[in-house]
């Protein structure tokens, strides 16, 4: 009788052991899938609040850069010393592939996506999109490259914004990271326009 019990006990142990291995593999696969999903949805370093700065170091505007449906966009959130109801009157009525319907000249400078349709080339690198200068309405090809703070050339996180008319002819401007508190301070400056 003991021989019969022993004969049935060992196959059951082997079966349970195999099922435990299967459960462990399944849990490991699930954990890896969750981690992969989290990293896939992690925001690109260009996404966030940035301020454009001229050659003298003066802030010209604060921007919100965001991703939507796999493309990159940017809109002005404030311009120092400028009223918030200013319209983009210097722009053309429309632009090819502009993401918002309607006459661009009748849109407010704030909140209109003047940076649009950039495609990601690598983490922190976007190109093949456009940027409109709302001051004069000119349209440029746009490239954006993120440079992390390194304490040397880039003391703070920096975006290299490149606008081109074609064949690599254009200019670059460096934008620096900002935050809500600084944007609120820019909004409180006296309005001259």
N, C-alpha and C. Protein backbone atom coordinates (compact mmCIF):
# COMPACT_ATOMS: atom_id res chain seq x y z
N UNK A 1 0.82 -1.19 0.00
CA UNK A 1 0.00 0.00 0.00
C UNK A 1 0.87 1.26 0.00
N UNK A 2 1.94 1.27 0.81
CA UNK A 2 2.84 2.43 0.86
C UNK A 2 3.46 2.70 -0.50
N UNK A 3 3.74 1.65 -1.27
CA UNK A 3 4.33 1.82 -2.59
C UNK A 3 3.35 2.54 -3.52
N UNK A 4 2.09 2.25 -3.42
CA UNK A 4 1.07 2.87 -4.27
C UNK A 4 0.93 4.35 -3.90
N UNK A 5 0.93 4.68 -2.62
CA UNK A 5 0.84 6.08 -2.17
C UNK A 5 2.04 6.86 -2.64
N UNK A 6 3.23 6.31 -2.50
CA UNK A 6 4.44 6.98 -2.94
C UNK A 6 4.41 7.23 -4.44
N UNK A 7 3.86 6.27 -5.20
CA UNK A 7 3.80 6.39 -6.64
C UNK A 7 2.93 7.57 -7.06
N UNK A 8 1.85 7.83 -6.34
CA UNK A 8 0.98 8.94 -6.67
C UNK A 8 1.48 10.28 -6.12
N UNK A 9 2.24 10.26 -5.05
CA UNK A 9 2.69 11.48 -4.39
C UNK A 9 3.70 12.22 -5.27
N UNK A 10 4.63 11.53 -5.87
CA UNK A 10 5.69 12.19 -6.63
C UNK A 10 5.18 12.85 -7.91
N UNK A 11 4.28 12.23 -8.68
CA UNK A 11 3.75 12.94 -9.85
C UNK A 11 3.00 14.20 -9.46
N UNK A 12 2.32 14.19 -8.34
CA UNK A 12 1.61 15.39 -7.89
C UNK A 12 2.60 16.49 -7.57
N UNK A 13 3.72 16.16 -6.89
CA UNK A 13 4.74 17.16 -6.57
C UNK A 13 5.32 17.75 -7.85
N UNK A 14 5.61 16.92 -8.83
CA UNK A 14 6.17 17.40 -10.09
C UNK A 14 5.17 18.32 -10.79
N UNK A 15 3.90 17.96 -10.78
CA UNK A 15 2.86 18.76 -11.41
C UNK A 15 2.75 20.12 -10.73
N UNK A 16 2.73 20.15 -9.41
CA UNK A 16 2.65 21.40 -8.64
C UNK A 16 3.89 22.26 -8.90
N UNK A 17 5.05 21.64 -8.95
CA UNK A 17 6.30 22.37 -9.20
C UNK A 17 6.26 23.04 -10.59
N UNK A 18 5.78 22.34 -11.61
CA UNK A 18 5.68 22.89 -12.95
C UNK A 18 4.70 24.06 -12.98
N UNK A 19 3.58 23.95 -12.29
CA UNK A 19 2.60 25.03 -12.23
C UNK A 19 3.17 26.26 -11.53
N UNK A 20 3.96 26.05 -10.46
CA UNK A 20 4.61 27.17 -9.76
C UNK A 20 5.57 27.89 -10.71
N UNK A 21 6.32 27.15 -11.50
CA UNK A 21 7.24 27.75 -12.46
C UNK A 21 6.46 28.57 -13.50
N UNK A 22 5.34 28.04 -13.95
CA UNK A 22 4.51 28.75 -14.93
C UNK A 22 3.98 30.06 -14.34
N UNK A 23 3.52 30.02 -13.10
CA UNK A 23 3.01 31.22 -12.43
C UNK A 23 4.13 32.24 -12.26
N UNK A 24 5.32 31.81 -11.88
CA UNK A 24 6.46 32.72 -11.71
C UNK A 24 6.83 33.37 -13.04
N UNK A 25 6.83 32.58 -14.12
CA UNK A 25 7.14 33.13 -15.44
C UNK A 25 6.09 34.16 -15.85
N UNK A 26 4.84 33.85 -15.58
CA UNK A 26 3.75 34.76 -15.91
C UNK A 26 3.88 36.08 -15.13
N UNK A 27 4.19 35.98 -13.85
CA UNK A 27 4.36 37.19 -13.04
C UNK A 27 5.55 38.02 -13.51
N UNK A 28 6.65 37.36 -13.85
CA UNK A 28 7.83 38.07 -14.35
C UNK A 28 7.49 38.76 -15.67
N UNK A 29 6.80 38.07 -16.56
CA UNK A 29 6.40 38.67 -17.84
C UNK A 29 5.49 39.87 -17.62
N UNK A 30 4.57 39.76 -16.69
CA UNK A 30 3.66 40.86 -16.38
C UNK A 30 4.42 42.07 -15.85
N UNK A 31 5.37 41.83 -14.96
CA UNK A 31 6.18 42.93 -14.40
C UNK A 31 6.98 43.61 -15.50
N UNK A 32 7.59 42.84 -16.38
CA UNK A 32 8.36 43.42 -17.48
C UNK A 32 7.47 44.21 -18.43
N UNK A 33 6.28 43.71 -18.69
CA UNK A 33 5.34 44.42 -19.56
C UNK A 33 4.92 45.74 -18.93
N UNK A 34 4.68 45.75 -17.63
CA UNK A 34 4.30 46.98 -16.93
C UNK A 34 5.45 47.99 -16.99
N UNK A 35 6.66 47.56 -16.75
CA UNK A 35 7.82 48.46 -16.81
C UNK A 35 8.01 49.01 -18.21
N UNK A 36 7.86 48.16 -19.21
CA UNK A 36 7.98 48.62 -20.60
C UNK A 36 6.89 49.64 -20.92
N UNK A 37 5.68 49.41 -20.44
CA UNK A 37 4.59 50.34 -20.65
C UNK A 37 4.83 51.68 -19.99
N UNK A 38 5.34 51.64 -18.78
CA UNK A 38 5.63 52.88 -18.06
C UNK A 38 6.69 53.68 -18.80
N UNK A 39 7.76 53.03 -19.24
CA UNK A 39 8.82 53.76 -19.93
C UNK A 39 8.34 54.27 -21.28
N UNK A 40 7.43 53.53 -21.93
CA UNK A 40 6.90 53.99 -23.22
C UNK A 40 6.05 55.24 -23.05
N UNK A 41 5.38 55.39 -21.90
CA UNK A 41 4.53 56.54 -21.67
C UNK A 41 5.22 57.65 -20.88
N UNK A 42 6.49 57.47 -20.55
CA UNK A 42 7.22 58.52 -19.84
C UNK A 42 7.37 59.72 -20.77
N UNK A 43 7.19 60.89 -20.23
CA UNK A 43 7.25 62.10 -21.04
C UNK A 43 8.65 62.31 -21.59
N UNK A 44 8.71 62.73 -22.83
CA UNK A 44 9.97 63.09 -23.46
C UNK A 44 10.52 64.32 -22.73
N UNK A 45 11.84 64.47 -22.64
CA UNK A 45 12.39 65.61 -21.89
C UNK A 45 12.07 66.97 -22.48
N UNK A 46 11.63 67.05 -23.74
CA UNK A 46 11.27 68.36 -24.28
C UNK A 46 9.90 68.81 -23.80
N UNK A 47 9.08 67.88 -23.33
CA UNK A 47 7.73 68.22 -22.88
C UNK A 47 7.82 68.98 -21.56
N UNK A 48 7.15 70.12 -21.52
CA UNK A 48 7.14 70.91 -20.29
C UNK A 48 7.08 72.40 -20.57
N UNK A 49 7.49 73.19 -19.60
CA UNK A 49 7.46 74.65 -19.68
C UNK A 49 8.86 75.17 -19.98
N UNK A 50 8.95 76.06 -20.95
CA UNK A 50 10.23 76.61 -21.40
C UNK A 50 10.08 78.10 -21.63
N UNK A 51 11.18 78.83 -21.51
CA UNK A 51 11.12 80.25 -21.84
C UNK A 51 12.13 80.53 -22.94
N UNK A 52 11.66 81.29 -23.93
CA UNK A 52 12.55 81.71 -25.01
C UNK A 52 13.30 82.95 -24.52
N UNK A 53 14.57 82.98 -24.84
CA UNK A 53 15.45 84.03 -24.35
C UNK A 53 16.20 84.62 -25.55
N UNK A 54 16.25 85.96 -25.62
CA UNK A 54 16.98 86.57 -26.74
C UNK A 54 18.49 86.61 -26.46
N UNK A 55 19.23 87.19 -27.40
CA UNK A 55 20.69 87.21 -27.30
C UNK A 55 21.20 87.97 -26.07
N UNK A 56 20.39 88.88 -25.53
CA UNK A 56 20.77 89.65 -24.34
C UNK A 56 20.36 88.94 -23.05
N UNK A 57 19.75 87.77 -23.17
CA UNK A 57 19.33 87.02 -21.99
C UNK A 57 17.96 87.41 -21.46
N UNK A 58 17.23 88.22 -22.23
CA UNK A 58 15.91 88.69 -21.82
C UNK A 58 14.85 87.67 -22.27
N UNK A 59 13.93 87.34 -21.37
CA UNK A 59 12.85 86.42 -21.69
C UNK A 59 11.90 87.09 -22.68
N UNK A 60 11.65 86.39 -23.80
CA UNK A 60 10.74 86.92 -24.81
C UNK A 60 9.36 86.29 -24.73
N UNK A 61 9.28 85.06 -24.22
CA UNK A 61 7.98 84.38 -24.06
C UNK A 61 8.18 83.13 -23.23
N UNK A 62 7.09 82.64 -22.66
CA UNK A 62 7.09 81.34 -21.98
C UNK A 62 6.20 80.42 -22.80
N UNK A 63 6.66 79.18 -22.98
CA UNK A 63 5.99 78.22 -23.86
C UNK A 63 5.65 76.96 -23.09
N UNK A 64 4.59 76.33 -23.53
CA UNK A 64 4.25 74.98 -23.06
C UNK A 64 4.42 74.06 -24.26
N UNK A 65 5.35 73.12 -24.13
CA UNK A 65 5.59 72.13 -25.18
C UNK A 65 4.89 70.85 -24.74
N UNK A 66 4.12 70.26 -25.63
CA UNK A 66 3.35 69.07 -25.28
C UNK A 66 3.28 68.10 -26.46
N UNK A 67 3.01 66.87 -26.13
CA UNK A 67 2.88 65.82 -27.13
C UNK A 67 1.41 65.42 -27.24
N UNK A 68 0.95 65.24 -28.46
CA UNK A 68 -0.43 64.80 -28.69
C UNK A 68 -0.45 63.89 -29.91
N UNK A 69 -0.96 62.68 -29.71
CA UNK A 69 -1.08 61.69 -30.79
C UNK A 69 0.24 61.44 -31.50
N UNK A 70 1.33 61.41 -30.72
CA UNK A 70 2.64 61.11 -31.28
C UNK A 70 3.35 62.27 -31.94
N UNK A 71 2.75 63.46 -31.93
CA UNK A 71 3.37 64.65 -32.51
C UNK A 71 3.64 65.67 -31.42
N UNK A 72 4.57 66.58 -31.68
CA UNK A 72 4.94 67.60 -30.70
C UNK A 72 4.37 68.96 -31.12
N UNK A 73 3.87 69.69 -30.11
CA UNK A 73 3.28 71.01 -30.33
C UNK A 73 3.80 71.96 -29.26
N UNK A 74 3.68 73.25 -29.52
CA UNK A 74 4.06 74.23 -28.52
C UNK A 74 3.21 75.48 -28.65
N UNK A 75 2.82 76.00 -27.51
CA UNK A 75 2.02 77.23 -27.50
C UNK A 75 2.57 78.19 -26.47
N UNK A 76 2.43 79.46 -26.78
CA UNK A 76 2.87 80.51 -25.87
C UNK A 76 1.87 80.60 -24.72
N UNK A 77 2.40 80.63 -23.48
CA UNK A 77 1.52 80.78 -22.32
C UNK A 77 1.55 82.19 -21.75
N UNK A 78 2.65 82.91 -22.00
CA UNK A 78 2.70 84.32 -21.62
C UNK A 78 3.84 85.01 -22.36
N UNK A 79 3.66 86.32 -22.56
CA UNK A 79 4.70 87.17 -23.13
C UNK A 79 4.88 88.32 -22.15
N UNK A 80 6.10 88.53 -21.65
CA UNK A 80 6.31 89.62 -20.69
C UNK A 80 5.83 90.97 -21.25
N UNK A 81 5.16 91.72 -20.44
CA UNK A 81 4.70 93.07 -20.75
C UNK A 81 3.67 93.13 -21.88
N UNK A 82 3.03 92.02 -22.18
CA UNK A 82 2.03 92.02 -23.26
C UNK A 82 0.68 91.57 -22.71
N UNK A 83 -0.37 92.25 -23.12
CA UNK A 83 -1.72 91.85 -22.73
C UNK A 83 -2.02 90.45 -23.24
N UNK A 84 -2.93 89.76 -22.58
CA UNK A 84 -3.23 88.38 -22.95
C UNK A 84 -4.24 88.27 -24.09
N UNK A 85 -4.84 89.37 -24.50
CA UNK A 85 -5.86 89.31 -25.55
C UNK A 85 -5.33 89.69 -26.94
N UNK A 86 -4.02 89.84 -27.08
CA UNK A 86 -3.42 90.23 -28.36
C UNK A 86 -3.65 89.13 -29.39
N UNK A 87 -4.07 89.52 -30.60
CA UNK A 87 -4.30 88.57 -31.67
C UNK A 87 -3.06 88.45 -32.56
N UNK A 88 -2.94 87.34 -33.26
CA UNK A 88 -1.81 87.09 -34.16
C UNK A 88 -2.09 87.73 -35.52
N UNK A 89 -2.31 89.03 -35.52
CA UNK A 89 -2.72 89.75 -36.72
C UNK A 89 -1.67 89.76 -37.83
N UNK A 90 -0.40 89.57 -37.49
CA UNK A 90 0.65 89.56 -38.50
C UNK A 90 0.75 88.23 -39.25
N UNK A 91 0.02 87.24 -38.80
CA UNK A 91 0.05 85.92 -39.44
C UNK A 91 -0.80 85.91 -40.70
N UNK A 92 -0.62 84.87 -41.49
CA UNK A 92 -1.46 84.65 -42.67
C UNK A 92 -2.80 84.07 -42.19
N UNK A 93 -3.80 84.09 -43.04
CA UNK A 93 -5.08 83.50 -42.64
C UNK A 93 -4.97 82.00 -42.35
N UNK A 94 -4.09 81.31 -43.09
CA UNK A 94 -3.93 79.87 -42.86
C UNK A 94 -2.52 79.43 -43.26
N UNK A 95 -2.15 78.26 -42.75
CA UNK A 95 -0.86 77.64 -43.05
C UNK A 95 -1.10 76.16 -43.32
N UNK A 96 -0.29 75.60 -44.19
CA UNK A 96 -0.41 74.18 -44.51
C UNK A 96 -0.21 73.35 -43.24
N UNK A 97 -1.11 72.41 -43.02
CA UNK A 97 -1.06 71.47 -41.90
C UNK A 97 -1.20 72.13 -40.52
N UNK A 98 -1.67 73.38 -40.46
CA UNK A 98 -1.87 74.02 -39.16
C UNK A 98 -2.93 73.24 -38.40
N UNK A 99 -2.69 72.93 -37.12
CA UNK A 99 -3.57 72.00 -36.40
C UNK A 99 -4.90 72.57 -35.90
N UNK A 100 -5.11 73.86 -36.07
CA UNK A 100 -6.35 74.47 -35.58
C UNK A 100 -7.09 75.09 -36.77
N UNK A 101 -8.36 74.80 -36.88
CA UNK A 101 -9.18 75.35 -37.96
C UNK A 101 -9.48 76.82 -37.67
N UNK A 102 -9.59 77.60 -38.73
CA UNK A 102 -9.95 79.00 -38.58
C UNK A 102 -8.87 79.93 -39.07
N UNK A 103 -9.17 81.20 -39.06
CA UNK A 103 -8.26 82.25 -39.50
C UNK A 103 -7.23 82.48 -38.39
N UNK A 104 -5.97 82.21 -38.70
CA UNK A 104 -4.91 82.32 -37.69
C UNK A 104 -4.77 83.77 -37.22
N UNK A 105 -5.04 84.74 -38.10
CA UNK A 105 -4.92 86.16 -37.72
C UNK A 105 -5.90 86.55 -36.62
N UNK A 106 -6.97 85.76 -36.47
CA UNK A 106 -7.99 86.07 -35.47
C UNK A 106 -7.80 85.26 -34.19
N UNK A 107 -6.71 84.49 -34.12
CA UNK A 107 -6.42 83.70 -32.93
C UNK A 107 -5.53 84.49 -31.98
N UNK A 108 -5.70 84.23 -30.71
CA UNK A 108 -4.84 84.90 -29.72
C UNK A 108 -3.42 84.36 -29.82
N UNK A 109 -2.46 85.23 -29.53
CA UNK A 109 -1.06 84.79 -29.51
C UNK A 109 -0.88 83.73 -28.43
N UNK A 110 -1.53 83.93 -27.28
CA UNK A 110 -1.44 82.95 -26.20
C UNK A 110 -2.38 81.78 -26.48
N UNK A 111 -1.84 80.59 -26.35
CA UNK A 111 -2.66 79.40 -26.47
C UNK A 111 -2.80 78.83 -27.87
N UNK A 112 -2.21 79.46 -28.86
CA UNK A 112 -2.27 78.96 -30.23
C UNK A 112 -1.00 78.14 -30.49
N UNK A 113 -1.13 76.95 -31.06
CA UNK A 113 0.05 76.09 -31.27
C UNK A 113 0.93 76.56 -32.45
N UNK A 114 1.79 77.52 -32.19
CA UNK A 114 2.68 78.03 -33.23
C UNK A 114 3.81 77.05 -33.55
N UNK A 115 4.04 76.09 -32.69
CA UNK A 115 4.96 74.98 -32.98
C UNK A 115 4.04 73.78 -33.22
N UNK A 116 4.20 73.11 -34.36
CA UNK A 116 3.26 72.03 -34.63
C UNK A 116 3.83 70.93 -35.53
N UNK A 117 3.29 69.74 -35.27
CA UNK A 117 3.52 68.54 -36.09
C UNK A 117 4.97 68.05 -36.15
N UNK A 118 5.75 68.25 -35.09
CA UNK A 118 7.10 67.69 -35.07
C UNK A 118 7.03 66.20 -34.79
N UNK A 119 7.91 65.46 -35.40
CA UNK A 119 7.98 64.00 -35.22
C UNK A 119 9.24 63.65 -34.45
N UNK A 120 9.11 62.67 -33.58
CA UNK A 120 10.24 62.27 -32.74
C UNK A 120 11.25 61.47 -33.55
N UNK A 121 12.51 61.87 -33.45
CA UNK A 121 13.62 61.15 -34.10
C UNK A 121 14.33 60.26 -33.09
N UNK A 122 14.40 60.72 -31.85
CA UNK A 122 15.01 59.99 -30.73
C UNK A 122 14.54 60.71 -29.48
N UNK A 123 14.83 60.15 -28.31
CA UNK A 123 14.45 60.83 -27.07
C UNK A 123 15.10 62.21 -27.05
N UNK A 124 14.28 63.23 -26.89
CA UNK A 124 14.79 64.60 -26.83
C UNK A 124 15.13 65.20 -28.17
N UNK A 125 14.78 64.54 -29.27
CA UNK A 125 15.07 65.08 -30.61
C UNK A 125 13.81 64.98 -31.48
N UNK A 126 13.37 66.13 -31.95
CA UNK A 126 12.15 66.21 -32.77
C UNK A 126 12.45 67.05 -34.01
N UNK A 127 11.81 66.71 -35.14
CA UNK A 127 12.04 67.44 -36.38
C UNK A 127 10.85 67.25 -37.31
N UNK A 128 11.00 67.76 -38.52
CA UNK A 128 10.00 67.61 -39.59
C UNK A 128 8.68 68.28 -39.25
N UNK A 129 8.73 69.32 -38.45
CA UNK A 129 7.53 70.08 -38.12
C UNK A 129 7.73 71.53 -38.50
N UNK A 130 6.90 72.39 -37.96
CA UNK A 130 6.92 73.81 -38.31
C UNK A 130 6.81 74.68 -37.07
N UNK A 131 7.28 75.93 -37.25
CA UNK A 131 7.11 76.96 -36.22
C UNK A 131 6.76 78.25 -36.95
N UNK A 132 5.80 78.97 -36.40
CA UNK A 132 5.40 80.27 -36.94
C UNK A 132 5.85 81.33 -35.95
N UNK A 133 6.48 82.38 -36.47
CA UNK A 133 6.81 83.53 -35.62
C UNK A 133 5.58 84.43 -35.60
N UNK A 134 4.87 84.50 -34.47
CA UNK A 134 3.63 85.30 -34.47
C UNK A 134 3.87 86.80 -34.63
N UNK A 135 5.12 87.25 -34.48
CA UNK A 135 5.40 88.68 -34.67
C UNK A 135 5.29 89.10 -36.12
N UNK A 136 5.74 88.22 -37.04
CA UNK A 136 5.71 88.57 -38.46
C UNK A 136 4.97 87.55 -39.34
N UNK A 137 4.53 86.45 -38.75
CA UNK A 137 3.76 85.46 -39.49
C UNK A 137 4.59 84.53 -40.36
N UNK A 138 5.90 84.61 -40.27
CA UNK A 138 6.74 83.75 -41.11
C UNK A 138 6.75 82.32 -40.58
N UNK A 139 6.72 81.38 -41.52
CA UNK A 139 6.71 79.96 -41.22
C UNK A 139 8.10 79.39 -41.48
N UNK A 140 8.59 78.58 -40.53
CA UNK A 140 9.90 77.95 -40.67
C UNK A 140 9.79 76.46 -40.40
N UNK A 141 10.70 75.69 -40.99
CA UNK A 141 10.83 74.29 -40.59
C UNK A 141 11.42 74.31 -39.18
N UNK A 142 11.03 73.36 -38.36
CA UNK A 142 11.45 73.41 -36.95
C UNK A 142 12.09 72.09 -36.52
N UNK A 143 13.16 72.23 -35.77
CA UNK A 143 13.82 71.10 -35.11
C UNK A 143 14.01 71.49 -33.64
N UNK A 144 13.84 70.52 -32.75
CA UNK A 144 14.04 70.76 -31.33
C UNK A 144 14.95 69.67 -30.79
N UNK A 145 15.99 70.10 -30.08
CA UNK A 145 16.91 69.15 -29.45
C UNK A 145 17.07 69.51 -27.98
N UNK A 146 16.89 68.52 -27.12
CA UNK A 146 17.04 68.70 -25.68
C UNK A 146 18.49 68.48 -25.28
N UNK A 147 19.03 69.40 -24.46
CA UNK A 147 20.37 69.26 -23.90
C UNK A 147 20.24 69.29 -22.37
N UNK A 148 20.54 68.17 -21.70
CA UNK A 148 20.42 68.16 -20.24
C UNK A 148 21.50 69.05 -19.61
N UNK A 149 21.19 69.56 -18.44
CA UNK A 149 22.17 70.37 -17.71
C UNK A 149 23.43 69.54 -17.47
N UNK A 150 24.58 70.12 -17.83
CA UNK A 150 25.84 69.41 -17.64
C UNK A 150 26.83 70.21 -16.79
N UNK A 151 26.39 71.41 -16.35
CA UNK A 151 27.25 72.24 -15.52
C UNK A 151 28.34 72.95 -16.31
N UNK A 152 28.41 72.73 -17.60
CA UNK A 152 29.43 73.36 -18.45
C UNK A 152 28.74 74.21 -19.50
N UNK A 153 28.59 73.65 -20.70
CA UNK A 153 27.95 74.41 -21.78
C UNK A 153 26.49 74.68 -21.47
N UNK A 154 25.83 73.72 -20.80
CA UNK A 154 24.42 73.85 -20.46
C UNK A 154 24.26 73.82 -18.94
N UNK A 155 24.29 74.99 -18.29
CA UNK A 155 24.15 75.01 -16.83
C UNK A 155 22.77 74.55 -16.35
N UNK A 156 21.75 74.70 -17.21
CA UNK A 156 20.40 74.23 -16.90
C UNK A 156 19.89 73.44 -18.11
N UNK A 157 18.81 72.66 -17.91
CA UNK A 157 18.20 71.96 -19.04
C UNK A 157 17.86 72.99 -20.12
N UNK A 158 18.21 72.66 -21.37
CA UNK A 158 18.10 73.61 -22.46
C UNK A 158 17.49 72.95 -23.69
N UNK A 159 16.65 73.70 -24.39
CA UNK A 159 16.16 73.27 -25.69
C UNK A 159 16.86 74.09 -26.75
N UNK A 160 17.39 73.40 -27.74
CA UNK A 160 17.92 74.09 -28.91
C UNK A 160 16.79 74.12 -29.93
N UNK A 161 16.28 75.30 -30.18
CA UNK A 161 15.19 75.51 -31.13
C UNK A 161 15.80 75.99 -32.43
N UNK A 162 15.57 75.23 -33.49
CA UNK A 162 16.15 75.60 -34.79
C UNK A 162 15.02 75.84 -35.78
N UNK A 163 15.02 77.03 -36.35
CA UNK A 163 14.08 77.38 -37.40
C UNK A 163 14.85 77.53 -38.70
N UNK A 164 14.37 76.89 -39.76
CA UNK A 164 15.07 76.92 -41.04
C UNK A 164 14.11 77.29 -42.16
N UNK A 165 14.68 78.01 -43.16
CA UNK A 165 13.89 78.32 -44.35
C UNK A 165 14.08 77.23 -45.40
N UNK A 166 15.07 76.39 -45.22
CA UNK A 166 15.34 75.29 -46.15
C UNK A 166 16.82 75.09 -46.36
N UNK A 167 17.20 73.91 -46.82
CA UNK A 167 18.60 73.55 -47.11
C UNK A 167 19.53 73.83 -45.93
N UNK A 168 19.03 73.70 -44.72
CA UNK A 168 19.85 73.90 -43.53
C UNK A 168 20.11 75.36 -43.19
N UNK A 169 19.50 76.28 -43.93
CA UNK A 169 19.70 77.71 -43.68
C UNK A 169 18.68 78.16 -42.64
N UNK A 170 19.18 78.69 -41.53
CA UNK A 170 18.30 79.16 -40.48
C UNK A 170 19.11 79.61 -39.28
N UNK A 171 18.44 79.63 -38.14
CA UNK A 171 19.16 80.00 -36.92
C UNK A 171 18.61 79.21 -35.75
N UNK A 172 19.45 79.10 -34.74
CA UNK A 172 19.06 78.38 -33.53
C UNK A 172 18.94 79.36 -32.38
N UNK A 173 18.09 79.01 -31.44
CA UNK A 173 17.91 79.80 -30.23
C UNK A 173 17.83 78.81 -29.08
N UNK A 174 18.41 79.17 -27.95
CA UNK A 174 18.36 78.30 -26.78
C UNK A 174 17.25 78.76 -25.86
N UNK A 175 16.41 77.79 -25.47
CA UNK A 175 15.34 78.03 -24.50
C UNK A 175 15.72 77.30 -23.23
N UNK A 176 15.34 77.88 -22.10
CA UNK A 176 15.67 77.26 -20.82
C UNK A 176 14.40 76.85 -20.08
N UNK A 177 14.55 75.81 -19.28
CA UNK A 177 13.41 75.29 -18.53
C UNK A 177 12.90 76.35 -17.55
N UNK A 178 11.60 76.35 -17.35
CA UNK A 178 10.99 77.28 -16.40
C UNK A 178 9.91 76.52 -15.63
N UNK A 179 9.18 77.23 -14.78
CA UNK A 179 8.14 76.58 -13.98
C UNK A 179 6.95 77.53 -13.82
N UNK A 180 5.91 77.03 -13.21
CA UNK A 180 4.69 77.81 -13.04
C UNK A 180 4.92 79.10 -12.25
N UNK A 181 5.76 79.04 -11.23
CA UNK A 181 6.01 80.23 -10.40
C UNK A 181 6.64 81.34 -11.24
N UNK A 182 7.62 81.00 -12.06
CA UNK A 182 8.27 82.01 -12.90
C UNK A 182 7.29 82.55 -13.95
N UNK A 183 6.46 81.68 -14.49
CA UNK A 183 5.46 82.13 -15.47
C UNK A 183 4.47 83.08 -14.81
N UNK A 184 4.05 82.79 -13.59
CA UNK A 184 3.15 83.70 -12.87
C UNK A 184 3.81 85.05 -12.65
N UNK A 185 5.10 85.05 -12.34
CA UNK A 185 5.83 86.30 -12.15
C UNK A 185 5.90 87.08 -13.46
N UNK A 186 6.09 86.40 -14.58
CA UNK A 186 6.11 87.08 -15.89
C UNK A 186 4.74 87.68 -16.21
N UNK A 187 3.70 87.00 -15.84
CA UNK A 187 2.33 87.49 -16.08
C UNK A 187 2.03 88.75 -15.29
N UNK A 188 2.68 88.92 -14.16
CA UNK A 188 2.41 90.05 -13.27
C UNK A 188 3.18 91.31 -13.67
N UNK A 189 4.10 91.20 -14.64
CA UNK A 189 4.84 92.38 -15.09
C UNK A 189 3.87 93.39 -15.70
N UNK A 190 4.20 94.69 -15.61
CA UNK A 190 3.30 95.71 -16.18
C UNK A 190 3.12 95.49 -17.68
N UNK A 191 1.92 95.70 -18.17
CA UNK A 191 1.60 95.52 -19.59
C UNK A 191 1.82 96.82 -20.34
N UNK A 192 2.61 96.77 -21.41
CA UNK A 192 2.88 97.96 -22.20
C UNK A 192 2.20 97.90 -23.57
N UNK A 193 1.80 96.69 -23.98
CA UNK A 193 1.17 96.54 -25.30
C UNK A 193 -0.24 96.02 -25.13
